[in-house]
């Protein structure tokens, strides 16, 4: 398992990448300590592609929440 952390629009994002025995990559994303649910259930073959997908999900979630508060 590996972790990636970054800040986006003042929100702390942590992504944990895991590689199951079946192959591919899965992830768990937390924004400010709250786990996001992902619509994606199947592993993605390449780690970098999975990480990009996870980052995109996190940013979209933050953008959606920010749009509702402005």
Protein backbone atom coordinates (compact mmCIF):
# COMPACT_ATOMS: atom_id res chain seq x y z
CA UNK A 1 0.00 0.00 0.00
CA UNK A 2 1.23 3.49 -0.76
CA UNK A 3 -0.12 6.90 0.16
CA UNK A 4 -0.32 10.19 -1.70
CA UNK A 5 -1.27 13.43 0.02
CA UNK A 6 -1.98 16.88 -1.38
CA UNK A 7 -4.00 20.00 -0.68
CA UNK A 8 -6.66 21.27 -3.08
CA UNK A 9 -8.62 24.48 -2.46
CA UNK A 10 -7.73 24.39 1.22
CA UNK A 11 -8.85 20.77 1.64
CA UNK A 12 -6.42 18.02 2.69
CA UNK A 13 -6.65 14.96 0.41
CA UNK A 14 -5.11 11.55 1.19
CA UNK A 15 -5.21 8.70 -1.31
CA UNK A 16 -4.21 5.18 -0.29
CA UNK A 17 -3.29 2.99 -3.24
CA UNK A 18 -3.55 -0.80 -2.89
CA UNK A 19 -2.73 -3.60 -5.29
CA UNK A 20 -4.95 -6.67 -4.75
CA UNK A 21 -3.72 -10.17 -5.52
CA UNK A 22 -5.96 -10.20 -8.58
CA UNK A 23 -3.86 -7.41 -10.13
CA UNK A 24 -4.50 -3.80 -10.98
CA UNK A 25 -4.85 -0.94 -8.52
CA UNK A 26 -7.61 0.20 -6.16
CA UNK A 27 -7.70 3.24 -3.89
CA UNK A 28 -9.35 4.84 -0.88
CA UNK A 29 -9.68 8.61 -0.83
CA UNK A 30 -10.13 10.78 2.27
CA UNK A 31 -10.87 14.52 2.17
CA UNK A 32 -10.20 16.15 5.55
CA UNK A 33 -10.47 12.71 7.18
CA UNK A 34 -13.81 11.83 5.57
CA UNK A 35 -13.79 8.86 3.20
CA UNK A 36 -15.18 9.40 -0.27
CA UNK A 37 -17.16 6.66 -1.93
CA UNK A 38 -16.08 5.83 -5.46
CA UNK A 39 -18.37 4.66 -8.22
CA UNK A 40 -15.41 2.73 -9.64
CA UNK A 41 -15.23 -0.82 -8.27
CA UNK A 42 -12.93 -2.63 -10.73
CA UNK A 43 -9.16 -2.30 -10.42
CA UNK A 44 -7.29 -0.17 -12.96
CA UNK A 45 -4.31 -1.88 -14.59
CA UNK A 46 -1.66 0.83 -14.16
CA UNK A 47 -0.92 2.61 -10.87
CA UNK A 48 -0.49 6.04 -12.49
CA UNK A 49 -3.86 5.76 -14.26
CA UNK A 50 -5.57 4.73 -11.02
CA UNK A 51 -3.94 7.59 -9.14
CA UNK A 52 -5.07 10.10 -11.78
CA UNK A 53 -8.63 8.74 -11.55
CA UNK A 54 -8.58 9.01 -7.74
CA UNK A 55 -7.24 12.59 -7.85
CA UNK A 56 -9.94 13.55 -10.36
CA UNK A 57 -12.65 12.08 -8.11
CA UNK A 58 -11.32 13.99 -5.10
CA UNK A 59 -11.14 17.30 -6.99
CA UNK A 60 -14.65 16.85 -8.41
CA UNK A 61 -15.99 16.12 -4.93
CA UNK A 62 -14.37 19.25 -3.49
CA UNK A 63 -15.51 21.40 -6.43
CA UNK A 64 -19.09 20.12 -6.08
CA UNK A 65 -19.15 20.90 -2.35
CA UNK A 66 -17.63 24.36 -2.93
CA UNK A 67 -20.19 25.18 -5.64
CA UNK A 68 -22.99 24.46 -3.20
CA UNK A 69 -21.61 26.82 -0.55
CA UNK A 70 -20.94 29.90 -2.69
